[in-house]
Amino acid sequence: MAPGLRLLAFETRRTWAYKYKSPTDGRMRQIKIGHWPIMSLPAAIVAWESLRTQPDAGEDPAMEARTEQAEVAVQKQAAKQRKGAGVRAARQVCNCYLDGHIDPNRAPKGAKEIRRTFDTVLGGVAEMDVVEVTRSIAFGVIQSFVDKPVQAGILRRELGAAWDYTLEAGPLPVDTPNWWQLILRDKLRSRGNDPASLPRIPSYAAFNMASAVTGA
């Protein structure tokens, strides 16, 4: 059903992994996807689908993950050197977006719902330094809602908009990556609705563009 997808059993945990042949040197490699039962089988299959095409395209996901980890280590060191100047926790990024854009521009009910969503789904990510929020961490947050694609799509959009807003507002370093905008693009689909028929809530980027055109 999912070639290369395996569940590894360790003494204290079980971990989903994808085993494949590296296109760079022909060796068999393995990359961890997530831990069971936090990551369900359907979620693991979705993650496997996003990885399995990479070797055929000449990409080596395990090596790329190692490169990303090295880059994160460099970013953490840079963050320490900056002594916190301009660096915000993920929760502060969301609050900046909520206070500066959502509350003034959304109806109270909608603004309250976005705030509630941020409060309930970020979990441990909320207190992380933004440089520690890697692509894989962002993927894990959205992937945990794979059974609710509409909610996952809204969460991905709003978190991406929060990072964009805070980057433009100034508190975040200009080189902070916005992984929310890059993960699972065009892969979140409702099983029961035509995506074109779903209500669209304007994101910060769309609002910003409209304001620039109208001069509002």
N, C-alpha and C. Protein backbone atom coordinates (compact mmCIF):
# COMPACT_ATOMS: atom_id res chain seq x y z
N MET A 1 0.83 -1.21 0.00
CA MET A 1 0.00 0.00 0.00
C MET A 1 0.86 1.25 0.00
N ALA A 2 1.95 1.24 0.75
CA ALA A 2 2.85 2.40 0.83
C ALA A 2 4.28 1.89 0.88
N PRO A 3 4.87 1.57 -0.27
CA PRO A 3 6.23 1.00 -0.30
C PRO A 3 7.25 1.88 0.41
N GLY A 4 8.01 1.28 1.31
CA GLY A 4 9.04 2.01 2.03
C GLY A 4 8.58 2.57 3.35
N LEU A 5 7.26 2.67 3.56
CA LEU A 5 6.74 3.18 4.83
C LEU A 5 6.79 2.06 5.86
N ARG A 6 7.38 2.32 7.01
CA ARG A 6 7.50 1.30 8.04
C ARG A 6 7.30 1.90 9.43
N LEU A 7 6.89 1.05 10.34
CA LEU A 7 6.73 1.46 11.73
C LEU A 7 7.82 0.78 12.54
N LEU A 8 8.75 1.56 13.04
CA LEU A 8 9.89 1.03 13.79
C LEU A 8 9.53 0.94 15.27
N ALA A 9 9.76 -0.21 15.86
CA ALA A 9 9.44 -0.43 17.27
C ALA A 9 10.70 -0.35 18.12
N PHE A 10 10.75 0.62 19.02
CA PHE A 10 11.85 0.76 19.96
C PHE A 10 11.35 0.40 21.36
N GLU A 11 12.24 0.45 22.31
CA GLU A 11 11.88 0.03 23.66
C GLU A 11 10.82 0.93 24.28
N THR A 12 10.90 2.22 23.97
CA THR A 12 9.98 3.17 24.61
C THR A 12 8.99 3.82 23.66
N ARG A 13 9.16 3.62 22.36
CA ARG A 13 8.26 4.28 21.41
C ARG A 13 8.26 3.58 20.07
N ARG A 14 7.30 3.94 19.25
CA ARG A 14 7.23 3.45 17.88
C ARG A 14 7.25 4.65 16.94
N THR A 15 8.01 4.52 15.87
CA THR A 15 8.27 5.66 14.99
C THR A 15 8.00 5.29 13.53
N TRP A 16 7.26 6.15 12.84
CA TRP A 16 7.06 5.99 11.41
C TRP A 16 8.32 6.44 10.68
N ALA A 17 8.70 5.68 9.65
CA ALA A 17 9.88 6.04 8.86
C ALA A 17 9.66 5.65 7.40
N TYR A 18 10.39 6.31 6.53
CA TYR A 18 10.34 6.02 5.10
C TYR A 18 11.73 5.59 4.65
N LYS A 19 11.82 4.37 4.09
CA LYS A 19 13.10 3.84 3.62
C LYS A 19 13.12 3.88 2.10
N TYR A 20 14.23 4.35 1.52
CA TYR A 20 14.31 4.54 0.07
C TYR A 20 15.77 4.43 -0.38
N LYS A 21 15.96 4.35 -1.67
CA LYS A 21 17.30 4.33 -2.23
C LYS A 21 17.70 5.75 -2.62
N SER A 22 18.84 6.19 -2.11
CA SER A 22 19.30 7.55 -2.38
C SER A 22 19.66 7.70 -3.86
N PRO A 23 19.17 8.75 -4.51
CA PRO A 23 19.52 8.98 -5.91
C PRO A 23 20.95 9.51 -6.09
N THR A 24 21.58 9.92 -4.97
CA THR A 24 22.92 10.50 -5.07
C THR A 24 24.02 9.45 -5.05
N ASP A 25 23.84 8.38 -4.23
CA ASP A 25 24.89 7.37 -4.16
C ASP A 25 24.37 5.94 -4.19
N GLY A 26 23.05 5.77 -4.36
CA GLY A 26 22.48 4.44 -4.46
C GLY A 26 22.33 3.70 -3.15
N ARG A 27 22.68 4.30 -2.04
CA ARG A 27 22.56 3.64 -0.74
C ARG A 27 21.13 3.72 -0.22
N MET A 28 20.78 2.73 0.60
CA MET A 28 19.47 2.74 1.24
C MET A 28 19.53 3.71 2.43
N ARG A 29 18.57 4.60 2.48
CA ARG A 29 18.51 5.56 3.58
C ARG A 29 17.12 5.55 4.18
N GLN A 30 17.00 6.14 5.34
CA GLN A 30 15.76 6.14 6.08
C GLN A 30 15.57 7.49 6.75
N ILE A 31 14.35 7.99 6.68
CA ILE A 31 14.05 9.26 7.33
C ILE A 31 12.83 9.08 8.21
N LYS A 32 12.92 9.57 9.44
CA LYS A 32 11.81 9.47 10.38
C LYS A 32 10.73 10.47 10.02
N ILE A 33 9.47 10.04 10.15
CA ILE A 33 8.33 10.88 9.78
C ILE A 33 7.62 11.41 11.02
N GLY A 34 7.41 10.55 12.00
CA GLY A 34 6.70 10.96 13.22
C GLY A 34 6.51 9.78 14.14
N HIS A 35 5.99 10.04 15.32
CA HIS A 35 5.82 8.99 16.32
C HIS A 35 4.37 8.52 16.38
N TRP A 36 4.19 7.21 16.44
CA TRP A 36 2.89 6.60 16.65
C TRP A 36 2.66 6.49 18.17
N PRO A 37 1.46 6.75 18.69
CA PRO A 37 0.20 6.99 17.99
C PRO A 37 -0.11 8.46 17.75
N ILE A 38 0.82 9.38 18.10
CA ILE A 38 0.56 10.81 17.86
C ILE A 38 0.30 11.04 16.38
N MET A 39 1.09 10.38 15.53
CA MET A 39 0.85 10.41 14.09
C MET A 39 0.12 9.12 13.72
N SER A 40 -1.09 9.26 13.23
CA SER A 40 -1.90 8.11 12.86
C SER A 40 -1.42 7.53 11.53
N LEU A 41 -1.95 6.35 11.16
CA LEU A 41 -1.60 5.75 9.87
C LEU A 41 -1.98 6.65 8.69
N PRO A 42 -3.21 7.22 8.66
CA PRO A 42 -3.54 8.12 7.55
C PRO A 42 -2.58 9.31 7.45
N ALA A 43 -2.18 9.87 8.60
CA ALA A 43 -1.25 10.99 8.59
C ALA A 43 0.12 10.55 8.09
N ALA A 44 0.54 9.34 8.49
CA ALA A 44 1.83 8.83 8.03
C ALA A 44 1.83 8.60 6.53
N ILE A 45 0.71 8.14 5.99
CA ILE A 45 0.61 7.91 4.53
C ILE A 45 0.69 9.23 3.78
N VAL A 46 0.05 10.27 4.30
CA VAL A 46 0.12 11.58 3.65
C VAL A 46 1.56 12.08 3.64
N ALA A 47 2.26 11.91 4.78
CA ALA A 47 3.66 12.34 4.86
C ALA A 47 4.51 11.51 3.90
N TRP A 48 4.23 10.20 3.81
CA TRP A 48 4.95 9.32 2.89
C TRP A 48 4.74 9.76 1.44
N GLU A 49 3.53 10.16 1.11
CA GLU A 49 3.24 10.60 -0.26
C GLU A 49 4.05 11.84 -0.63
N SER A 50 4.26 12.71 0.34
CA SER A 50 5.02 13.93 0.06
C SER A 50 6.51 13.65 -0.09
N LEU A 51 6.97 12.51 0.48
CA LEU A 51 8.39 12.17 0.43
C LEU A 51 8.76 11.25 -0.73
N ARG A 52 7.84 10.37 -1.12
CA ARG A 52 8.20 9.29 -2.04
C ARG A 52 8.56 9.78 -3.44
N THR A 53 8.10 10.96 -3.84
CA THR A 53 8.43 11.48 -5.16
C THR A 53 9.80 12.15 -5.20
N GLN A 54 10.35 12.45 -4.03
CA GLN A 54 11.61 13.19 -4.00
C GLN A 54 12.79 12.41 -4.58
N PRO A 55 12.99 11.11 -4.23
CA PRO A 55 14.11 10.38 -4.82
C PRO A 55 14.02 10.30 -6.34
N ASP A 56 12.82 10.14 -6.89
CA ASP A 56 12.66 10.09 -8.35
C ASP A 56 13.02 11.42 -8.99
N ALA A 57 12.89 12.49 -8.21
CA ALA A 57 13.24 13.82 -8.71
C ALA A 57 14.70 14.18 -8.44
N GLY A 58 15.47 13.19 -7.94
CA GLY A 58 16.88 13.43 -7.67
C GLY A 58 17.17 14.03 -6.32
N GLU A 59 16.16 14.07 -5.44
CA GLU A 59 16.33 14.65 -4.11
C GLU A 59 16.53 13.55 -3.08
N ASP A 60 17.27 13.88 -2.04
CA ASP A 60 17.54 12.94 -0.95
C ASP A 60 16.99 13.53 0.34
N PRO A 61 15.75 13.16 0.74
CA PRO A 61 15.10 13.82 1.90
C PRO A 61 15.87 13.68 3.20
N ALA A 62 16.53 12.54 3.43
CA ALA A 62 17.28 12.36 4.67
C ALA A 62 18.46 13.32 4.74
N MET A 63 19.18 13.44 3.62
CA MET A 63 20.32 14.36 3.58
C MET A 63 19.86 15.81 3.70
N GLU A 64 18.72 16.13 3.09
CA GLU A 64 18.18 17.48 3.20
C GLU A 64 17.78 17.79 4.64
N ALA A 65 17.26 16.77 5.33
CA ALA A 65 16.89 16.96 6.74
C ALA A 65 18.12 17.25 7.58
N ARG A 66 19.23 16.55 7.29
CA ARG A 66 20.47 16.79 8.02
C ARG A 66 20.99 18.20 7.74
N THR A 67 20.87 18.62 6.49
CA THR A 67 21.30 19.98 6.14
C THR A 67 20.46 21.01 6.88
N GLU A 68 19.15 20.73 6.96
CA GLU A 68 18.26 21.65 7.67
C GLU A 68 18.63 21.74 9.14
N GLN A 69 18.95 20.58 9.74
CA GLN A 69 19.34 20.57 11.16
C GLN A 69 20.60 21.39 11.38
N ALA A 70 21.55 21.29 10.43
CA ALA A 70 22.78 22.08 10.55
C ALA A 70 22.48 23.56 10.44
N GLU A 71 21.56 23.92 9.53
CA GLU A 71 21.19 25.32 9.36
C GLU A 71 20.49 25.85 10.61
N VAL A 72 19.66 25.01 11.22
CA VAL A 72 18.96 25.42 12.45
C VAL A 72 19.97 25.67 13.56
N ALA A 73 21.00 24.82 13.65
CA ALA A 73 22.04 25.00 14.66
C ALA A 73 22.73 26.35 14.48
N VAL A 74 22.99 26.70 13.21
CA VAL A 74 23.61 27.99 12.92
C VAL A 74 22.68 29.13 13.32
N GLN A 75 21.38 28.96 13.01
CA GLN A 75 20.40 29.99 13.35
C GLN A 75 20.29 30.17 14.87
N LYS A 76 20.33 29.07 15.60
CA LYS A 76 20.25 29.16 17.06
C LYS A 76 21.45 29.90 17.63
N GLN A 77 22.61 29.62 17.06
CA GLN A 77 23.82 30.29 17.52
C GLN A 77 23.74 31.79 17.22
N ALA A 78 23.21 32.11 16.03
CA ALA A 78 23.05 33.51 15.67
C ALA A 78 22.06 34.20 16.60
N ALA A 79 21.00 33.46 16.98
CA ALA A 79 20.01 34.02 17.88
C ALA A 79 20.62 34.34 19.24
N LYS A 80 21.50 33.46 19.72
CA LYS A 80 22.17 33.70 20.99
C LYS A 80 23.06 34.93 20.90
N GLN A 81 23.73 35.08 19.76
CA GLN A 81 24.62 36.21 19.59
C GLN A 81 23.86 37.52 19.53
N ARG A 82 22.64 37.44 18.98
CA ARG A 82 21.82 38.65 18.92
C ARG A 82 21.22 38.99 20.28
N LYS A 83 21.38 38.02 21.24
CA LYS A 83 20.86 38.21 22.60
C LYS A 83 19.39 38.58 22.62
N GLY A 84 18.66 37.96 21.71
CA GLY A 84 17.21 38.15 21.70
C GLY A 84 16.74 39.37 20.96
N ALA A 85 17.62 40.18 20.43
CA ALA A 85 17.19 41.40 19.75
C ALA A 85 16.39 41.05 18.50
N GLY A 86 15.13 41.48 18.45
CA GLY A 86 14.29 41.26 17.29
C GLY A 86 13.74 39.86 17.17
N VAL A 87 14.07 38.95 18.08
CA VAL A 87 13.61 37.58 18.00
C VAL A 87 12.37 37.42 18.87
N ARG A 88 11.36 36.78 18.33
CA ARG A 88 10.11 36.63 19.05
C ARG A 88 9.74 35.16 19.20
N ALA A 89 9.04 34.83 20.28
CA ALA A 89 8.46 33.50 20.43
C ALA A 89 7.29 33.38 19.46
N ALA A 90 6.96 32.15 19.09
CA ALA A 90 5.87 31.92 18.14
C ALA A 90 4.56 32.52 18.65
N ARG A 91 4.32 32.42 19.96
CA ARG A 91 3.09 32.99 20.52
C ARG A 91 3.06 34.51 20.33
N GLN A 92 4.22 35.16 20.49
CA GLN A 92 4.28 36.61 20.31
C GLN A 92 4.02 37.00 18.85
N VAL A 93 4.50 36.16 17.93
CA VAL A 93 4.23 36.42 16.51
C VAL A 93 2.73 36.39 16.26
N CYS A 94 2.07 35.37 16.80
CA CYS A 94 0.62 35.25 16.62
C CYS A 94 -0.11 36.42 17.27
N ASN A 95 0.33 36.83 18.46
CA ASN A 95 -0.32 37.94 19.14
C ASN A 95 -0.13 39.25 18.38
N CYS A 96 1.05 39.43 17.79
CA CYS A 96 1.31 40.63 16.99
C CYS A 96 0.34 40.70 15.81
N TYR A 97 0.12 39.56 15.17
CA TYR A 97 -0.79 39.47 14.03
C TYR A 97 -2.24 39.69 14.48
N LEU A 98 -2.60 39.08 15.59
CA LEU A 98 -3.97 39.23 16.10
C LEU A 98 -4.27 40.68 16.48
N ASP A 99 -3.35 41.30 17.23
CA ASP A 99 -3.58 42.66 17.70
C ASP A 99 -3.48 43.69 16.58
N GLY A 100 -2.53 43.47 15.65
CA GLY A 100 -2.29 44.48 14.63
C GLY A 100 -3.13 44.35 13.38
N HIS A 101 -3.59 43.13 13.08
CA HIS A 101 -4.35 42.95 11.84
C HIS A 101 -5.72 42.32 12.03
N ILE A 102 -5.78 41.21 12.76
CA ILE A 102 -7.04 40.48 12.87
C ILE A 102 -8.10 41.29 13.61
N ASP A 103 -7.78 41.76 14.82
CA ASP A 103 -8.78 42.49 15.62
C ASP A 103 -9.31 43.73 14.90
N PRO A 104 -8.45 44.54 14.24
CA PRO A 104 -8.99 45.73 13.58
C PRO A 104 -9.77 45.44 12.29
N ASN A 105 -9.56 44.26 11.68
CA ASN A 105 -10.10 44.04 10.34
C ASN A 105 -11.09 42.87 10.23
N ARG A 106 -11.22 42.08 11.26
CA ARG A 106 -12.18 40.97 11.22
C ARG A 106 -13.33 41.26 12.17
N ALA A 107 -14.47 40.65 11.87
CA ALA A 107 -15.60 40.74 12.79
C ALA A 107 -15.21 40.09 14.12
N PRO A 108 -15.77 40.57 15.22
CA PRO A 108 -15.38 40.04 16.54
C PRO A 108 -15.46 38.51 16.64
N LYS A 109 -16.50 37.94 16.06
CA LYS A 109 -16.65 36.48 16.14
C LYS A 109 -15.51 35.78 15.42
N GLY A 110 -15.18 36.26 14.21
CA GLY A 110 -14.09 35.64 13.44
C GLY A 110 -12.75 35.83 14.11
N ALA A 111 -12.52 37.03 14.67
CA ALA A 111 -11.26 37.30 15.36
C ALA A 111 -11.12 36.40 16.58
N LYS A 112 -12.21 36.21 17.30
CA LYS A 112 -12.18 35.35 18.49
C LYS A 112 -11.85 33.91 18.10
N GLU A 113 -12.38 33.47 16.97
CA GLU A 113 -12.14 32.09 16.54
C GLU A 113 -10.68 31.88 16.14
N ILE A 114 -10.07 32.85 15.45
CA ILE A 114 -8.66 32.73 15.08
C ILE A 114 -7.80 32.71 16.34
N ARG A 115 -8.13 33.57 17.30
CA ARG A 115 -7.36 33.60 18.56
C ARG A 115 -7.49 32.26 19.30
N ARG A 116 -8.70 31.72 19.34
CA ARG A 116 -8.91 30.43 19.99
C ARG A 116 -8.14 29.32 19.28
N THR A 117 -8.12 29.37 17.95
CA THR A 117 -7.39 28.36 17.19
C THR A 117 -5.91 28.39 17.51
N PHE A 118 -5.32 29.58 17.51
CA PHE A 118 -3.90 29.71 17.86
C PHE A 118 -3.63 29.18 19.27
N ASP A 119 -4.51 29.52 20.21
CA ASP A 119 -4.30 29.13 21.61
C ASP A 119 -4.35 27.61 21.80
N THR A 120 -5.20 26.94 21.01
CA THR A 120 -5.42 25.52 21.26
C THR A 120 -4.54 24.59 20.45
N VAL A 121 -4.03 25.03 19.29
CA VAL A 121 -3.32 24.08 18.42
C VAL A 121 -1.80 24.21 18.46
N LEU A 122 -1.28 25.35 18.89
CA LEU A 122 0.17 25.52 18.84
C LEU A 122 0.90 24.65 19.85
N GLY A 123 0.29 24.41 21.00
CA GLY A 123 0.92 23.55 22.00
C GLY A 123 2.30 24.05 22.38
N GLY A 124 3.27 23.12 22.39
CA GLY A 124 4.63 23.47 22.78
C GLY A 124 5.33 24.40 21.82
N VAL A 125 4.82 24.51 20.58
CA VAL A 125 5.43 25.40 19.59
C VAL A 125 5.28 26.85 20.01
N ALA A 126 4.24 27.15 20.78
CA ALA A 126 3.93 28.54 21.14
C ALA A 126 5.10 29.25 21.82
N GLU A 127 5.83 28.55 22.66
CA GLU A 127 6.91 29.18 23.41
C GLU A 127 8.28 29.01 22.73
N MET A 128 8.30 28.41 21.56
CA MET A 128 9.57 28.23 20.85
C MET A 128 10.03 29.52 20.21
N ASP A 129 11.34 29.72 20.17
CA ASP A 129 11.91 30.82 19.39
C ASP A 129 11.60 30.54 17.93
N VAL A 130 11.26 31.58 17.17
CA VAL A 130 10.87 31.36 15.77
C VAL A 130 11.96 30.67 14.97
N VAL A 131 13.23 30.84 15.33
CA VAL A 131 14.30 30.18 14.58
C VAL A 131 14.31 28.68 14.83
N GLU A 132 13.62 28.24 15.88
CA GLU A 132 13.55 26.82 16.18
C GLU A 132 12.37 26.14 15.50
N VAL A 133 11.47 26.94 14.91
CA VAL A 133 10.32 26.37 14.21
C VAL A 133 10.77 25.98 12.80
N THR A 134 11.22 24.74 12.66
CA THR A 134 11.74 24.25 11.39
C THR A 134 10.60 23.85 10.46
N ARG A 135 10.97 23.53 9.25
CA ARG A 135 9.98 23.06 8.28
C ARG A 135 9.28 21.79 8.78
N SER A 136 10.03 20.88 9.37
CA SER A 136 9.44 19.63 9.85
C SER A 136 8.49 19.88 11.02
N ILE A 137 8.81 20.84 11.88
CA ILE A 137 7.92 21.15 13.00
C ILE A 137 6.62 21.77 12.48
N ALA A 138 6.75 22.71 11.53
CA ALA A 138 5.55 23.31 10.94
C ALA A 138 4.70 22.24 10.26
N PHE A 139 5.35 21.33 9.55
CA PHE A 139 4.65 20.24 8.88
C PHE A 139 3.88 19.40 9.90
N GLY A 140 4.52 19.10 11.04
CA GLY A 140 3.88 18.28 12.06
C GLY A 140 2.65 18.93 12.64
N VAL A 141 2.70 20.26 12.83
CA VAL A 141 1.54 20.98 13.38
C VAL A 141 0.35 20.86 12.44
N ILE A 142 0.57 21.16 11.15
CA ILE A 142 -0.53 21.11 10.17
C ILE A 142 -0.96 19.66 9.93
N GLN A 143 0.02 18.76 9.89
CA GLN A 143 -0.26 17.37 9.59
C GLN A 143 -1.15 16.72 10.66
N SER A 144 -1.10 17.25 11.87
CA SER A 144 -1.92 16.67 12.95
C SER A 144 -3.41 16.88 12.68
N PHE A 145 -3.75 17.72 11.70
CA PHE A 145 -5.15 17.96 11.34
C PHE A 145 -5.48 17.37 9.97
N VAL A 146 -4.73 16.33 9.56
CA VAL A 146 -4.92 15.76 8.23
C VAL A 146 -6.34 15.25 8.05
N ASP A 147 -7.01 14.83 9.12
CA ASP A 147 -8.38 14.34 9.01
C ASP A 147 -9.39 15.48 8.95
N LYS A 148 -8.92 16.71 9.12
CA LYS A 148 -9.79 17.89 9.04
C LYS A 148 -9.15 18.87 8.07
N PRO A 149 -9.17 18.57 6.76
CA PRO A 149 -8.42 19.37 5.79
C PRO A 149 -8.83 20.84 5.72
N VAL A 150 -10.11 21.13 5.94
CA VAL A 150 -10.53 22.54 5.90
C VAL A 150 -9.89 23.31 7.06
N GLN A 151 -9.95 22.73 8.26
CA GLN A 151 -9.33 23.36 9.43
C GLN A 151 -7.82 23.47 9.25
N ALA A 152 -7.22 22.41 8.69
CA ALA A 152 -5.77 22.43 8.45
C ALA A 152 -5.40 23.54 7.48
N GLY A 153 -6.21 23.72 6.44
CA GLY A 153 -5.94 24.77 5.46
C GLY A 153 -6.04 26.16 6.06
N ILE A 154 -7.05 26.36 6.89
CA ILE A 154 -7.21 27.67 7.55
C ILE A 154 -6.05 27.94 8.49
N LEU A 155 -5.66 26.91 9.26
CA LEU A 155 -4.55 27.07 10.21
C LEU A 155 -3.26 27.40 9.48
N ARG A 156 -2.97 26.68 8.41
CA ARG A 156 -1.76 26.93 7.61
C ARG A 156 -1.76 28.35 7.05
N ARG A 157 -2.91 28.78 6.53
CA ARG A 157 -3.01 30.11 5.95
C ARG A 157 -2.81 31.21 7.00
N GLU A 158 -3.46 31.05 8.15
CA GLU A 158 -3.39 32.09 9.17
C GLU A 158 -2.00 32.16 9.81
N LEU A 159 -1.36 31.02 10.04
CA LEU A 159 -0.01 31.04 10.60
C LEU A 159 0.96 31.66 9.59
N GLY A 160 0.80 31.32 8.31
CA GLY A 160 1.64 31.93 7.29
C GLY A 160 1.45 33.44 7.23
N ALA A 161 0.18 33.88 7.36
CA ALA A 161 -0.11 35.31 7.36
C ALA A 161 0.47 35.99 8.60
N ALA A 162 0.44 35.29 9.75
CA ALA A 162 1.00 35.86 10.98
C ALA A 162 2.49 36.09 10.83
N TRP A 163 3.20 35.12 10.25
CA TRP A 163 4.65 35.28 10.03
C TRP A 163 4.90 36.43 9.04
N ASP A 164 4.12 36.50 7.95
CA ASP A 164 4.29 37.57 6.97
C ASP A 164 4.08 38.93 7.61
N TYR A 165 2.99 39.05 8.38
CA TYR A 165 2.67 40.34 9.00
C TYR A 165 3.78 40.78 9.94
N THR A 166 4.26 39.86 10.78
CA THR A 166 5.27 40.23 11.77
C THR A 166 6.62 40.51 11.11
N LEU A 167 6.91 39.84 9.99
CA LEU A 167 8.12 40.16 9.23
C LEU A 167 8.05 41.58 8.70
N GLU A 168 6.89 41.96 8.15
CA GLU A 168 6.74 43.30 7.59
C GLU A 168 6.66 44.36 8.68
N ALA A 169 6.09 43.98 9.83
CA ALA A 169 5.97 44.95 10.92
C ALA A 169 7.31 45.25 11.58
N GLY A 170 8.27 44.34 11.44
CA GLY A 170 9.61 44.63 11.92
C GLY A 170 10.18 43.79 13.05
N PRO A 171 9.33 43.19 13.92
CA PRO A 171 9.93 42.47 15.06
C PRO A 171 10.76 41.24 14.69
N LEU A 172 10.47 40.63 13.56
CA LEU A 172 11.21 39.43 13.16
C LEU A 172 12.39 39.79 12.27
N PRO A 173 13.51 39.08 12.41
CA PRO A 173 14.63 39.28 11.48
C PRO A 173 14.18 39.01 10.05
N VAL A 174 14.69 39.75 9.09
CA VAL A 174 14.22 39.65 7.71
C VAL A 174 14.51 38.29 7.08
N ASP A 175 15.47 37.54 7.64
CA ASP A 175 15.81 36.25 7.06
C ASP A 175 15.07 35.09 7.73
N THR A 176 14.05 35.40 8.56
CA THR A 176 13.28 34.34 9.20
C THR A 176 12.45 33.61 8.16
N PRO A 177 12.61 32.29 8.02
CA PRO A 177 11.82 31.56 7.01
C PRO A 177 10.37 31.41 7.44
N ASN A 178 9.47 31.51 6.47
CA ASN A 178 8.04 31.32 6.72
C ASN A 178 7.66 29.95 6.19
N TRP A 179 7.91 28.90 7.00
CA TRP A 179 7.66 27.54 6.54
C TRP A 179 6.18 27.27 6.33
N TRP A 180 5.31 27.98 7.05
CA TRP A 180 3.87 27.74 6.92
C TRP A 180 3.41 27.97 5.49
N GLN A 181 4.05 28.89 4.78
CA GLN A 181 3.65 29.19 3.41
C GLN A 181 4.14 28.13 2.43
N LEU A 182 5.11 27.31 2.84
CA LEU A 182 5.75 26.38 1.91
C LEU A 182 5.28 24.94 2.05
N ILE A 183 4.82 24.56 3.24
CA ILE A 183 4.46 23.15 3.47
C ILE A 183 3.07 22.82 2.92
N LEU A 184 2.91 21.60 2.44
CA LEU A 184 1.61 21.05 2.03
C LEU A 184 0.84 21.97 1.09
N ARG A 185 1.53 22.62 0.20
CA ARG A 185 0.86 23.50 -0.75
C ARG A 185 0.04 22.67 -1.73
N ASP A 186 -1.24 23.03 -1.87
CA ASP A 186 -2.17 22.34 -2.78
C ASP A 186 -2.40 20.88 -2.39
N LYS A 187 -2.11 20.50 -1.14
CA LYS A 187 -2.28 19.11 -0.73
C LYS A 187 -3.40 18.94 0.29
N LEU A 188 -4.01 20.02 0.75
CA LEU A 188 -5.08 19.94 1.74
C LEU A 188 -6.41 20.07 1.02
N ARG A 189 -7.15 18.99 0.96
CA ARG A 189 -8.41 18.97 0.23
C ARG A 189 -9.52 18.40 1.10
N SER A 190 -10.68 19.02 1.06
CA SER A 190 -11.82 18.51 1.78
C SER A 190 -12.35 17.27 1.09
N ARG A 191 -12.69 16.25 1.85
CA ARG A 191 -13.24 15.02 1.27
C ARG A 191 -14.71 15.18 0.91
N GLY A 192 -15.37 16.12 1.54
CA GLY A 192 -16.81 16.21 1.32
C GLY A 192 -17.26 17.45 0.58
N ASN A 193 -16.33 18.33 0.21
CA ASN A 193 -16.71 19.58 -0.44
C ASN A 193 -15.78 19.88 -1.59
N ASP A 194 -16.33 20.56 -2.57
CA ASP A 194 -15.52 21.08 -3.65
C ASP A 194 -14.75 22.26 -3.09
N PRO A 195 -13.40 22.28 -3.16
CA PRO A 195 -12.64 23.39 -2.57
C PRO A 195 -13.09 24.74 -3.09
N ALA A 196 -13.57 24.77 -4.35
CA ALA A 196 -13.98 26.06 -4.92
C ALA A 196 -15.23 26.60 -4.24
N SER A 197 -16.00 25.69 -3.61
CA SER A 197 -17.25 26.12 -2.97
C SER A 197 -17.06 26.52 -1.52
N LEU A 198 -15.87 26.30 -0.96
CA LEU A 198 -15.64 26.61 0.44
C LEU A 198 -15.48 28.11 0.63
N PRO A 199 -15.96 28.67 1.75
CA PRO A 199 -15.79 30.10 1.99
C PRO A 199 -14.33 30.45 2.15
N ARG A 200 -13.92 31.56 1.59
CA ARG A 200 -12.53 32.01 1.67
C ARG A 200 -12.45 33.22 2.60
N ILE A 201 -11.59 33.15 3.60
CA ILE A 201 -11.39 34.26 4.53
C ILE A 201 -10.14 35.00 4.08
N PRO A 202 -10.22 36.29 3.79
CA PRO A 202 -9.04 37.01 3.30
C PRO A 202 -7.88 36.91 4.27
N SER A 203 -6.72 36.56 3.76
CA SER A 203 -5.52 36.50 4.59
C SER A 203 -4.91 37.88 4.68
N TYR A 204 -3.88 37.99 5.51
CA TYR A 204 -3.20 39.28 5.64
C TYR A 204 -2.63 39.72 4.32
N ALA A 205 -2.03 38.76 3.55
CA ALA A 205 -1.39 39.12 2.27
C ALA A 205 -2.42 39.68 1.31
N ALA A 206 -3.61 39.03 1.23
CA ALA A 206 -4.64 39.50 0.32
C ALA A 206 -5.15 40.88 0.75
N PHE A 207 -5.37 41.07 2.06
CA PHE A 207 -5.83 42.34 2.58
C PHE A 207 -4.81 43.44 2.30
N ASN A 208 -3.53 43.12 2.49
CA ASN A 208 -2.47 44.08 2.28
C ASN A 208 -2.41 44.53 0.83
N MET A 209 -2.60 43.56 -0.10
CA MET A 209 -2.59 43.89 -1.51
C MET A 209 -3.76 44.77 -1.88
N ALA A 210 -4.96 44.44 -1.35
CA ALA A 210 -6.13 45.22 -1.64
C ALA A 210 -5.98 46.65 -1.12
N SER A 211 -5.39 46.78 0.07
CA SER A 211 -5.18 48.11 0.65
C SER A 211 -4.23 48.94 -0.19
N ALA A 212 -3.21 48.28 -0.75
CA ALA A 212 -2.24 48.99 -1.58
C ALA A 212 -2.89 49.50 -2.86
N VAL A 213 -3.84 48.71 -3.43
CA VAL A 213 -4.50 49.11 -4.68
C VAL A 213 -5.48 50.24 -4.46
N THR A 214 -6.27 50.14 -3.34
CA THR A 214 -7.29 51.14 -3.08
C THR A 214 -6.80 52.36 -2.35
N GLY A 215 -5.60 52.21 -1.74
CA GLY A 215 -5.06 53.30 -0.95
C GLY A 215 -5.64 53.39 0.42
N ALA A 216 -6.36 52.29 0.83
CA ALA A 216 -7.00 52.28 2.17
C ALA A 216 -5.95 52.16 3.24
